[in-house]
Protein backbone atom coordinates (compact mmCIF):
# COMPACT_ATOMS: atom_id res chain seq x y z
CA UNK A 1 29.91 17.94 -17.58
CA UNK A 2 33.50 18.52 -16.31
CA UNK A 3 36.34 19.73 -17.94
CA UNK A 4 37.67 16.23 -19.00
CA UNK A 5 34.28 15.81 -20.45
CA UNK A 6 33.01 13.25 -18.08
CA UNK A 7 29.82 13.47 -16.00
CA UNK A 8 30.09 14.91 -12.49
CA UNK A 9 29.14 12.53 -10.00
CA UNK A 10 25.69 12.60 -8.46
CA UNK A 11 24.96 11.55 -4.84
CA UNK A 12 21.38 10.55 -3.69
CA UNK A 13 20.43 9.75 -0.40
CA UNK A 14 19.51 6.01 -0.47
CA UNK A 15 18.01 6.04 3.27
CA UNK A 16 15.59 9.07 2.53
CA UNK A 17 12.11 8.41 4.14
CA UNK A 18 9.99 5.93 2.54
CA UNK A 19 7.01 6.97 0.21
CA UNK A 20 3.82 5.04 -0.04
CA UNK A 21 5.22 4.19 -3.74
CA UNK A 22 8.34 2.59 -2.47
CA UNK A 23 8.44 -1.24 -1.95
CA UNK A 24 11.22 -3.95 -2.10
CA UNK A 25 10.84 -4.29 -5.90
CA UNK A 26 10.42 -0.52 -6.98
CA UNK A 27 11.23 3.07 -5.76
CA UNK A 28 9.79 6.34 -6.35
CA UNK A 29 12.87 8.14 -7.64
CA UNK A 30 16.35 6.76 -7.86
CA UNK A 31 17.63 4.94 -4.70
CA UNK A 32 21.29 4.39 -6.17
CA UNK A 33 23.94 6.19 -4.01
CA UNK A 34 25.40 7.11 -7.38
CA UNK A 35 23.36 6.87 -10.54
CA UNK A 36 26.11 7.51 -12.66
CA UNK A 37 27.39 4.22 -11.94
CA UNK A 38 24.21 2.25 -12.40
CA UNK A 39 24.16 -0.02 -15.33
CA UNK A 40 20.44 0.61 -15.72
CA UNK A 41 20.57 4.29 -15.83
CA UNK A 42 18.12 5.54 -18.35
CA UNK A 43 17.00 2.16 -19.26
CA UNK A 44 13.68 2.74 -21.05
CA UNK A 45 10.54 1.95 -19.14
CA UNK A 46 12.54 0.89 -16.06
CA UNK A 47 14.73 3.88 -14.82
CA UNK A 48 13.34 6.68 -12.76
CA UNK A 49 15.04 9.47 -14.86
CA UNK A 50 13.09 8.40 -17.93
CA UNK A 51 9.80 7.29 -16.74
CA UNK A 52 7.01 9.65 -16.42
CA UNK A 53 5.90 8.46 -12.93
CA UNK A 54 9.39 8.83 -11.54
CA UNK A 55 9.56 5.01 -10.66
CA UNK A 56 12.51 2.99 -10.65
CA UNK A 57 11.91 -0.75 -11.34
CA UNK A 58 15.34 -2.07 -11.06
CA UNK A 59 16.65 -0.68 -7.61
CA UNK A 60 20.02 -1.68 -6.42
CA UNK A 61 20.74 -5.04 -4.83
CA UNK A 62 21.09 -3.44 -1.45
CA UNK A 63 17.81 -1.84 -1.71
CA UNK A 64 15.77 -4.71 -0.15
CA UNK A 65 17.86 -4.70 3.17
CA UNK A 66 17.64 -0.71 3.04
CA UNK A 67 13.92 -0.98 2.69
CA UNK A 68 13.51 -3.45 5.41
CA UNK A 69 15.37 -1.21 7.78
CA UNK A 70 13.90 1.99 6.97
CA UNK A 71 10.19 0.23 7.25
CA UNK A 72 11.25 -1.10 10.73
CA UNK A 73 12.86 2.04 11.90
CA UNK A 74 9.86 4.27 10.61
CA UNK A 75 6.63 4.88 13.16
CA UNK A 76 4.86 5.71 9.76
CA UNK A 77 2.26 3.16 8.38
CA UNK A 78 1.18 5.06 5.66
CA UNK A 79 3.26 8.02 4.38
CA UNK A 80 2.28 11.49 4.78
CA UNK A 81 -0.58 14.00 3.96
CA UNK A 82 1.17 16.23 1.45
CA UNK A 83 -1.73 18.82 1.71
CA UNK A 84 -1.31 19.14 5.46
CA UNK A 85 1.51 20.84 7.20
CA UNK A 86 1.71 18.16 9.75
CA UNK A 87 2.42 14.31 9.63
CA UNK A 88 -0.45 12.20 10.55
CA UNK A 89 0.84 8.92 12.18
CA UNK A 90 -1.93 6.36 11.38
CA UNK A 91 0.00 3.05 12.76
CA UNK A 92 0.35 1.64 16.15
CA UNK A 93 3.10 3.76 17.33
CA UNK A 94 0.42 5.15 20.03
CA UNK A 95 -1.84 3.02 22.07
CA UNK A 96 -5.28 3.56 20.53
CA UNK A 97 -8.14 2.39 22.75
CA UNK A 98 -11.32 0.95 21.20
CA UNK A 99 -11.89 -1.05 18.00
CA UNK A 100 -10.13 0.01 14.84
CA UNK A 101 -10.91 -0.91 11.21
CA UNK A 102 -8.66 -0.85 8.18
CA UNK A 103 -8.97 1.33 5.23
CA UNK A 104 -7.50 0.61 1.81
CA UNK A 105 -7.53 2.91 -1.17
CA UNK A 106 -7.99 1.00 -4.46
CA UNK A 107 -8.64 1.94 -8.09
CA UNK A 108 -12.29 1.16 -8.88
CA UNK A 109 -11.27 -0.45 -12.28
CA UNK A 110 -8.18 -2.39 -13.41
CA UNK A 111 -7.01 -3.64 -16.72
CA UNK A 112 -4.84 -6.70 -17.71
CA UNK A 113 -4.14 -6.58 -21.27
CA UNK A 114 -7.61 -5.95 -23.11
CA UNK A 115 -9.47 -6.82 -19.98
CA UNK A 116 -10.82 -4.27 -18.05
CA UNK A 117 -12.81 -5.19 -15.13
CA UNK A 118 -14.28 -3.91 -11.58
CA UNK A 119 -11.79 -4.63 -8.81
CA UNK A 120 -14.43 -5.10 -6.29
CA UNK A 121 -16.53 -7.20 -8.34
CA UNK A 122 -13.26 -9.47 -9.09
CA UNK A 123 -12.96 -9.86 -5.25
CA UNK A 124 -16.44 -10.73 -4.62
CA UNK A 125 -16.51 -13.29 -7.39
CA UNK A 126 -13.87 -15.29 -5.42
CA UNK A 127 -15.95 -15.19 -2.17
CA UNK A 128 -18.72 -16.54 -4.28
CA UNK A 129 -16.77 -19.24 -5.78
CA UNK A 130 -14.48 -20.36 -2.90
CA UNK A 131 -16.01 -18.92 0.34
CA UNK A 132 -13.26 -16.14 0.91
CA UNK A 133 -10.91 -13.99 -0.73
CA UNK A 134 -7.37 -12.34 0.16
CA UNK A 135 -6.80 -8.76 -0.79
CA UNK A 136 -3.23 -7.44 -1.21
CA UNK A 137 -1.92 -4.13 0.01
CA UNK A 138 0.42 -3.28 -2.54
CA UNK A 139 3.64 -1.19 -1.39
CA UNK A 140 4.35 -0.81 2.26
CA UNK A 141 2.75 -3.11 4.35
CA UNK A 142 2.59 -1.08 7.50
CA UNK A 143 4.11 -1.93 10.97
CA UNK A 144 3.75 -5.24 12.43
CA UNK A 145 2.22 -3.86 15.62
CA UNK A 146 -0.78 -2.59 13.51
CA UNK A 147 -1.36 -6.12 11.72
CA UNK A 148 -1.15 -7.71 15.23
CA UNK A 149 -3.68 -5.07 16.62
CA UNK A 150 -5.98 -6.10 13.79
CA UNK A 151 -5.34 -9.95 14.05
CA UNK A 152 -6.09 -9.80 17.85
CA UNK A 153 -9.14 -7.97 17.39
CA UNK A 154 -10.38 -10.92 14.68
CA UNK A 155 -9.25 -13.58 17.16
CA UNK A 156 -11.21 -12.04 19.98
CA UNK A 157 -14.25 -12.21 18.08
CA UNK A 158 -14.56 -8.29 17.43
CA UNK A 159 -16.01 -7.56 14.02
CA UNK A 160 -13.11 -5.63 12.38
CA UNK A 161 -13.91 -4.36 8.97
CA UNK A 162 -11.59 -4.11 5.77
CA UNK A 163 -13.08 -1.03 4.15
CA UNK A 164 -12.09 -0.42 0.43
CA UNK A 165 -12.25 3.02 -0.88
CA UNK A 166 -12.22 4.22 -4.47
CA UNK A 167 -12.69 7.54 -6.13
CA UNK A 168 -15.25 7.53 -8.92
CA UNK A 169 -17.04 10.72 -10.34
CA UNK A 170 -15.24 13.06 -8.05
CA UNK A 171 -16.84 11.03 -5.07
CA UNK A 172 -15.36 8.49 -2.71
CA UNK A 173 -17.18 5.19 -2.41
CA UNK A 174 -16.53 2.85 0.09
CA UNK A 175 -17.13 -1.19 0.33
CA UNK A 176 -16.73 -3.19 3.53
CA UNK A 177 -16.49 -6.62 4.61
CA UNK A 178 -15.40 -8.24 7.97
CA UNK A 179 -11.71 -9.07 8.18
CA UNK A 180 -10.96 -12.78 8.98
CA UNK A 181 -7.30 -12.87 9.10
CA UNK A 182 -4.44 -10.64 8.54
CA UNK A 183 -0.97 -11.74 7.36
CA UNK A 184 2.36 -10.05 6.91
CA UNK A 185 5.07 -11.61 4.65
CA UNK A 186 5.38 -13.59 1.75
CA UNK A 187 1.96 -15.17 0.52
CA UNK A 188 1.39 -18.90 1.78
CA UNK A 189 0.01 -21.34 -0.74
CA UNK A 190 -3.26 -20.90 0.95
CA UNK A 191 -3.33 -17.13 0.36
CA UNK A 192 -2.24 -17.47 -3.24
CA UNK A 193 -5.19 -20.06 -3.85
CA UNK A 194 -7.87 -17.51 -2.79
CA UNK A 195 -6.21 -14.49 -4.26
CA UNK A 196 -7.88 -13.00 -7.37
CA UNK A 197 -6.08 -14.63 -10.70
CA UNK A 198 -5.23 -11.35 -12.11
CA UNK A 199 -2.80 -10.75 -9.17
CA UNK A 200 -0.20 -13.21 -10.91
CA UNK A 201 -0.14 -10.81 -13.89
CA UNK A 202 0.53 -7.70 -12.02
CA UNK A 203 4.12 -8.42 -11.22
CA UNK A 204 4.05 -6.41 -8.02
CA UNK A 205 5.10 -7.43 -4.60
CA UNK A 206 2.95 -7.33 -1.59
CA UNK A 207 3.77 -8.17 2.16
CA UNK A 208 0.35 -7.27 3.69
CA UNK A 209 -2.53 -9.64 2.87
CA UNK A 210 -6.11 -9.39 4.25
CA UNK A 211 -8.69 -12.23 4.04
CA UNK A 212 -12.28 -11.74 4.20
CA UNK A 213 -15.07 -14.34 3.99
CA UNK A 214 -18.23 -12.35 3.06
CA UNK A 215 -18.73 -10.06 -0.24
CA UNK A 216 -17.93 -6.46 0.11
CA UNK A 217 -21.18 -4.28 0.25
CA UNK A 218 -21.27 -0.45 0.13
CA UNK A 219 -19.95 1.27 3.21
CA UNK A 220 -21.12 4.70 4.74
CA UNK A 221 -17.76 6.81 5.05
CA UNK A 222 -19.43 9.67 6.86
CA UNK A 223 -18.86 8.75 10.34
CA UNK A 224 -15.34 7.49 10.04
CA UNK A 225 -12.47 9.09 11.78
CA UNK A 226 -8.91 8.27 11.94
CA UNK A 227 -7.94 6.46 15.00
CA UNK A 228 -4.61 8.63 15.34
CA UNK A 229 -6.05 12.03 15.44
CA UNK A 230 -9.87 12.02 15.16
CA UNK A 231 -9.86 13.74 11.75
CA UNK A 232 -13.01 12.66 9.47
CA UNK A 233 -11.69 10.02 6.97
CA UNK A 234 -13.58 11.97 4.03
CA UNK A 235 -11.27 15.19 4.76
CA UNK A 236 -8.18 13.12 4.82
CA UNK A 237 -9.10 11.35 1.68
CA UNK A 238 -9.56 14.64 -0.05
CA UNK A 239 -6.23 16.01 1.20
CA UNK A 240 -3.86 13.18 0.89
CA UNK A 241 -2.84 10.09 -1.29
CA UNK A 242 -2.41 8.11 1.86
CA UNK A 243 -3.24 4.39 0.63
CA UNK A 244 -4.17 2.84 3.93
CA UNK A 245 -5.14 3.94 7.50
CA UNK A 246 -6.75 3.04 10.80
CA UNK A 247 -10.23 4.35 11.59
CA UNK A 248 -12.94 4.16 14.13
């Protein structure tokens, strides 16, 4: 407090690097340039300053444009490994040779209201009913170059895998299915039609949508390595909270 009894102005860097938790509709920490002037400051369950997870669910109107610019300007698809002294770039900023596959980290279980269910089973049920399902990558979508690379592999007939990874009982478990399509941007009507019904109840934004036409089956994670630096996938999963990455 100043001598006049008013709060000292707090200035924050709106354009600090994106985190994995940042999206068009929410931010990790406050992204207002001056939180003291924000009308939503300290709003219960909405403001980063009062939420235990430090998430802001009501970013400023300018945030969408700032987010898009930061996403375009950044070479990072996937955030960084906090347990490592170096940043692991896992997007397509380098020309990786050979076939690559996409790994997405998920929670094995989800709960909507009183209903608790297995996420992999929920997606497999859509494949059984409609022949295909779309999986959303919540938060940052990654670069267009990465999506283009995956889509080209699919169009060329190269089996490109989507590998879902979940931690259960202290162990990482993988589930894989061949990709049949990759879409960046707002979901089309067709994408919405083959998305699990519970997506509508999440209230979260996604701009990366992966389509598969086969059910997910158990995947062997032992022999997978990051496409960017060759590190074993299981080592990286144990050190980082990175939510998506390209592997070989």
